[in-house]
Amino acid sequence: MMGFLKAFAKFSGTSDNVKWSQSKELVVDGPDFFGLHYVYIDAEFHVVHFLPKLDLNLYILQGDPVKGTHEYHIGTDGNLVKERILPKGDTEWKINPDIVYYRLKDGNRKLNIYEGKVSFAFPFNGTINREWIMKRAKEIHAKQKTNTLWLDLKEQIRK
């Protein structure tokens, strides 16, 4: 798998950005319907986006450096509501040091391009897998409920 990703990155001109994003936690602002959210990239280039909402729902996109493969919905009670495999080509992204570009299909199957600004980048040493995603989702949801989610960010900035 890593050989394919490296070849794709080289072919598509994203090699430097893929390498830059390795082992990172990003805080991204936008597009508007995503809001402020977290993106994690581990050492093996597994990628996960956590999209917390004000109504206490949490949406999660999992994939690789260029596309989403799975979507999870954590409900207002903190439990998994829905899990699905994303159709190929429906959810793609390009992670740059300053901007994350999202290419998403809407309800009419039309591709739209959106962008989010990378506000902060921190080192990340975890391993992304379904178990880690569900554990982190529980942590994020608990902080959403107590309005302390972004206090973690303030602490990271101070370090």
C-alpha atoms as a PDB file:
ATOM      1  CA  MET A   1       0.000   0.000   0.000  1.00  0.00           C
ATOM      2  CA  MET A   2       2.754   2.461   0.885  1.00  0.00           C
ATOM      3  CA  GLY A   3       4.364   1.936  -2.534  1.00  0.00           C
ATOM      4  CA  PHE A   4       1.110   2.896  -4.238  1.00  0.00           C
ATOM      5  CA  LEU A   5       0.694   6.029  -2.094  1.00  0.00           C
ATOM      6  CA  LYS A   6       4.254   7.144  -2.740  1.00  0.00           C
ATOM      7  CA  ALA A   7       3.845   6.537  -6.480  1.00  0.00           C
ATOM      8  CA  PHE A   8       0.511   8.399  -6.501  1.00  0.00           C
ATOM      9  CA  ALA A   9       2.004  11.305  -4.569  1.00  0.00           C
ATOM     10  CA  LYS A  10       4.913  11.575  -6.989  1.00  0.00           C
ATOM     11  CA  PHE A  11       2.651  11.281 -10.040  1.00  0.00           C
ATOM     12  CA  SER A  12       0.098  13.818  -8.773  1.00  0.00           C
ATOM     13  CA  GLY A  13       2.661  16.372  -7.582  1.00  0.00           C
ATOM     14  CA  THR A  14       1.625  16.056  -3.944  1.00  0.00           C
ATOM     15  CA  SER A  15       4.735  14.223  -2.758  1.00  0.00           C
ATOM     16  CA  ASP A  16       6.120  17.058  -0.615  1.00  0.00           C
ATOM     17  CA  ASN A  17       2.718  17.746   0.970  1.00  0.00           C
ATOM     18  CA  VAL A  18       2.101  14.074   1.695  1.00  0.00           C
ATOM     19  CA  LYS A  19       5.515  13.822   3.320  1.00  0.00           C
ATOM     20  CA  TRP A  20       4.909  17.070   5.264  1.00  0.00           C
ATOM     21  CA  SER A  21       1.587  15.806   6.625  1.00  0.00           C
ATOM     22  CA  GLN A  22       3.042  12.595   8.059  1.00  0.00           C
ATOM     23  CA  SER A  23       2.501  12.261  11.845  1.00  0.00           C
ATOM     24  CA  LYS A  24       0.492  15.472  12.189  1.00  0.00           C
ATOM     25  CA  GLU A  25      -2.580  16.702  14.011  1.00  0.00           C
ATOM     26  CA  LEU A  26      -4.107  19.652  12.178  1.00  0.00           C
ATOM     27  CA  VAL A  27      -6.765  22.076  13.271  1.00  0.00           C
ATOM     28  CA  VAL A  28      -8.613  23.208  10.158  1.00  0.00           C
ATOM     29  CA  ASP A  29     -11.173  26.003   9.828  1.00  0.00           C
ATOM     30  CA  GLY A  30     -13.695  25.476   7.053  1.00  0.00           C
ATOM     31  CA  PRO A  31     -15.370  24.986   4.777  1.00  0.00           C
ATOM     32  CA  ASP A  32     -18.334  26.546   6.566  1.00  0.00           C
ATOM     33  CA  PHE A  33     -20.382  23.343   6.844  1.00  0.00           C
ATOM     34  CA  PHE A  34     -17.367  21.517   8.350  1.00  0.00           C
ATOM     35  CA  GLY A  35     -16.519  24.322  10.755  1.00  0.00           C
ATOM     36  CA  LEU A  36     -13.448  24.063  12.950  1.00  0.00           C
ATOM     37  CA  HIS A  37     -12.269  20.464  12.925  1.00  0.00           C
ATOM     38  CA  TYR A  38      -9.364  18.123  13.573  1.00  0.00           C
ATOM     39  CA  VAL A  39      -7.405  16.143  10.983  1.00  0.00           C
ATOM     40  CA  TYR A  40      -4.986  13.426  12.102  1.00  0.00           C
ATOM     41  CA  ILE A  41      -2.379  11.770   9.875  1.00  0.00           C
ATOM     42  CA  ASP A  42      -0.310   8.950  11.329  1.00  0.00           C
ATOM     43  CA  ALA A  43       3.150   7.655  10.349  1.00  0.00           C
ATOM     44  CA  GLU A  44       1.587   5.176   7.897  1.00  0.00           C
ATOM     45  CA  PHE A  45      -0.454   7.981   6.258  1.00  0.00           C
ATOM     46  CA  HIS A  46      -3.833   6.874   7.607  1.00  0.00           C
ATOM     47  CA  VAL A  47      -6.014   9.989   7.745  1.00  0.00           C
ATOM     48  CA  VAL A  48      -9.053  10.809   9.865  1.00  0.00           C
ATOM     49  CA  HIS A  49     -11.142  14.001  10.053  1.00  0.00           C
ATOM     50  CA  PHE A  50     -13.229  14.672  13.174  1.00  0.00           C
ATOM     51  CA  LEU A  51     -16.062  17.130  12.476  1.00  0.00           C
ATOM     52  CA  PRO A  52     -17.753  18.128  15.769  1.00  0.00           C
ATOM     53  CA  LYS A  53     -21.081  19.936  15.470  1.00  0.00           C
ATOM     54  CA  LEU A  54     -22.779  22.361  17.869  1.00  0.00           C
ATOM     55  CA  ASP A  55     -25.741  20.001  18.242  1.00  0.00           C
ATOM     56  CA  LEU A  56     -23.324  17.412  19.778  1.00  0.00           C
ATOM     57  CA  ASN A  57     -23.271  15.178  16.698  1.00  0.00           C
ATOM     58  CA  LEU A  58     -19.809  14.168  15.519  1.00  0.00           C
ATOM     59  CA  TYR A  59     -19.013  13.168  11.956  1.00  0.00           C
ATOM     60  CA  ILE A  60     -15.824  11.308  11.097  1.00  0.00           C
ATOM     61  CA  LEU A  61     -14.179  10.744   7.724  1.00  0.00           C
ATOM     62  CA  GLN A  62     -11.453   8.113   7.488  1.00  0.00           C
ATOM     63  CA  GLY A  63      -9.156   7.427   4.564  1.00  0.00           C
ATOM     64  CA  ASP A  64      -5.695   7.924   3.128  1.00  0.00           C
ATOM     65  CA  PRO A  65      -3.792  11.069   2.034  1.00  0.00           C
ATOM     66  CA  VAL A  66      -6.072  11.651  -0.969  1.00  0.00           C
ATOM     67  CA  LYS A  67      -9.521  10.169  -0.335  1.00  0.00           C
ATOM     68  CA  GLY A  68     -12.110   9.161   2.178  1.00  0.00           C
ATOM     69  CA  THR A  69     -13.004   5.492   2.493  1.00  0.00           C
ATOM     70  CA  HIS A  70     -15.279   5.386   5.571  1.00  0.00           C
ATOM     71  CA  GLU A  71     -17.722   7.684   7.320  1.00  0.00           C
ATOM     72  CA  TYR A  72     -18.938   7.426  10.909  1.00  0.00           C
ATOM     73  CA  HIS A  73     -21.697   9.355  12.663  1.00  0.00           C
ATOM     74  CA  ILE A  74     -21.597   9.630  16.442  1.00  0.00           C
ATOM     75  CA  GLY A  75     -24.953  10.794  17.810  1.00  0.00           C
ATOM     76  CA  THR A  76     -25.782  13.253  20.543  1.00  0.00           C
ATOM     77  CA  ASP A  77     -25.602  10.447  23.129  1.00  0.00           C
ATOM     78  CA  GLY A  78     -21.995   9.659  22.157  1.00  0.00           C
ATOM     79  CA  ASN A  79     -22.807   6.318  20.509  1.00  0.00           C
ATOM     80  CA  LEU A  80     -22.199   5.195  16.944  1.00  0.00           C
ATOM     81  CA  VAL A  81     -25.317   5.901  14.878  1.00  0.00           C
ATOM     82  CA  LYS A  82     -24.109   5.081  11.393  1.00  0.00           C
ATOM     83  CA  GLU A  83     -21.054   3.646   9.706  1.00  0.00           C
ATOM     84  CA  ARG A  84     -20.606   3.298   5.974  1.00  0.00           C
ATOM     85  CA  ILE A  85     -18.068   2.769   3.252  1.00  0.00           C
ATOM     86  CA  LEU A  86     -17.872   5.859   1.082  1.00  0.00           C
ATOM     87  CA  PRO A  87     -18.466   5.409  -2.650  1.00  0.00           C
ATOM     88  CA  LYS A  88     -15.248   5.733  -4.627  1.00  0.00           C
ATOM     89  CA  GLY A  89     -14.649   9.316  -5.765  1.00  0.00           C
ATOM     90  CA  ASP A  90     -17.262  10.889  -3.458  1.00  0.00           C
ATOM     91  CA  THR A  91     -14.878  12.311  -0.864  1.00  0.00           C
ATOM     92  CA  GLU A  92     -11.376  13.439  -1.744  1.00  0.00           C
ATOM     93  CA  TRP A  93      -8.911  15.841  -0.189  1.00  0.00           C
ATOM     94  CA  LYS A  94      -5.519  17.377  -0.722  1.00  0.00           C
ATOM     95  CA  ILE A  95      -3.708  18.313   2.465  1.00  0.00           C
ATOM     96  CA  ASN A  96      -1.290  21.230   2.167  1.00  0.00           C
ATOM     97  CA  PRO A  97       0.609  23.025   4.942  1.00  0.00           C
ATOM     98  CA  ASP A  98      -1.776  26.021   4.777  1.00  0.00           C
ATOM     99  CA  ILE A  99      -4.966  24.762   3.122  1.00  0.00           C
ATOM    100  CA  VAL A 100      -6.917  21.522   2.869  1.00  0.00           C
ATOM    101  CA  TYR A 101      -8.855  21.194  -0.378  1.00  0.00           C
ATOM    102  CA  TYR A 102     -11.953  19.019  -0.277  1.00  0.00           C
ATOM    103  CA  ARG A 103     -13.623  17.611  -3.380  1.00  0.00           C
ATOM    104  CA  LEU A 104     -17.066  16.335  -2.381  1.00  0.00           C
ATOM    105  CA  LYS A 105     -20.071  15.072  -4.309  1.00  0.00           C
ATOM    106  CA  ASP A 106     -23.361  16.698  -3.425  1.00  0.00           C
ATOM    107  CA  GLY A 107     -26.823  15.119  -3.473  1.00  0.00           C
ATOM    108  CA  ASN A 108     -26.993  15.546  -7.249  1.00  0.00           C
ATOM    109  CA  ARG A 109     -23.688  13.649  -7.655  1.00  0.00           C
ATOM    110  CA  LYS A 110     -21.941  16.858  -8.755  1.00  0.00           C
ATOM    111  CA  LEU A 111     -18.353  17.348  -7.561  1.00  0.00           C
ATOM    112  CA  ASN A 112     -17.738  20.572  -5.660  1.00  0.00           C
ATOM    113  CA  ILE A 113     -14.431  21.913  -4.381  1.00  0.00           C
ATOM    114  CA  TYR A 114     -14.158  23.505  -0.952  1.00  0.00           C
ATOM    115  CA  GLU A 115     -11.244  24.590   1.185  1.00  0.00           C
ATOM    116  CA  GLY A 116     -10.345  24.834   4.827  1.00  0.00           C
ATOM    117  CA  LYS A 117      -7.517  26.874   6.330  1.00  0.00           C
ATOM    118  CA  VAL A 118      -4.961  25.018   8.427  1.00  0.00           C
ATOM    119  CA  SER A 119      -4.909  27.061  11.627  1.00  0.00           C
ATOM    120  CA  PHE A 120      -2.477  24.902  13.613  1.00  0.00           C
ATOM    121  CA  ALA A 121      -0.272  21.853  13.067  1.00  0.00           C
ATOM    122  CA  PHE A 122       1.012  19.699  15.922  1.00  0.00           C
ATOM    123  CA  PRO A 123       3.021  16.464  16.061  1.00  0.00           C
ATOM    124  CA  PHE A 124       0.942  13.288  16.281  1.00  0.00           C
ATOM    125  CA  ASN A 125       2.455   9.977  17.338  1.00  0.00           C
ATOM    126  CA  GLY A 126      -0.626   7.764  17.468  1.00  0.00           C
ATOM    127  CA  THR A 127      -1.729   4.954  15.184  1.00  0.00           C
ATOM    128  CA  ILE A 128      -5.025   5.456  13.405  1.00  0.00           C
ATOM    129  CA  ASN A 129      -7.309   2.436  13.312  1.00  0.00           C
ATOM    130  CA  ARG A 130     -10.995   1.893  14.040  1.00  0.00           C
ATOM    131  CA  GLU A 131     -10.347   1.301  17.762  1.00  0.00           C
ATOM    132  CA  TRP A 132      -8.382   4.568  18.092  1.00  0.00           C
ATOM    133  CA  ILE A 133     -11.024   6.458  16.083  1.00  0.00           C
ATOM    134  CA  MET A 134     -13.849   5.284  18.365  1.00  0.00           C
ATOM    135  CA  LYS A 135     -11.810   6.062  21.499  1.00  0.00           C
ATOM    136  CA  ARG A 136     -10.970   9.558  20.242  1.00  0.00           C
ATOM    137  CA  ALA A 137     -14.610  10.077  19.203  1.00  0.00           C
ATOM    138  CA  LYS A 138     -15.723   9.320  22.794  1.00  0.00           C
ATOM    139  CA  GLU A 139     -13.151  11.814  24.124  1.00  0.00           C
ATOM    140  CA  ILE A 140     -14.231  14.513  21.671  1.00  0.00           C
ATOM    141  CA  HIS A 141     -17.918  13.915  22.387  1.00  0.00           C
ATOM    142  CA  ALA A 142     -17.377  14.133  26.152  1.00  0.00           C
ATOM    143  CA  LYS A 143     -15.597  17.465  25.667  1.00  0.00           C
ATOM    144  CA  GLN A 144     -18.337  18.691  23.324  1.00  0.00           C
ATOM    145  CA  LYS A 145     -20.911  18.044  26.059  1.00  0.00           C
ATOM    146  CA  THR A 146     -18.945  20.065  28.625  1.00  0.00           C
ATOM    147  CA  ASN A 147     -17.930  22.806  26.177  1.00  0.00           C
ATOM    148  CA  THR A 148     -14.243  22.045  26.805  1.00  0.00           C
ATOM    149  CA  LEU A 149     -13.285  20.655  23.375  1.00  0.00           C
ATOM    150  CA  TRP A 150     -11.282  23.674  22.286  1.00  0.00           C
ATOM    151  CA  LEU A 151      -9.543  24.068  25.658  1.00  0.00           C
ATOM    152  CA  ASP A 152      -7.247  21.228  24.501  1.00  0.00           C
ATOM    153  CA  LEU A 153      -6.288  23.404  21.568  1.00  0.00           C
ATOM    154  CA  LYS A 154      -5.392  26.316  23.853  1.00  0.00           C
ATOM    155  CA  GLU A 155      -3.158  24.005  25.894  1.00  0.00           C
ATOM    156  CA  GLN A 156      -1.416  22.713  22.780  1.00  0.00           C
ATOM    157  CA  ILE A 157      -0.784  26.252  21.545  1.00  0.00           C
ATOM    158  CA  ARG A 158       0.810  27.215  24.853  1.00  0.00           C
ATOM    159  CA  LYS A 159       3.334  24.331  24.636  1.00  0.00           C
END
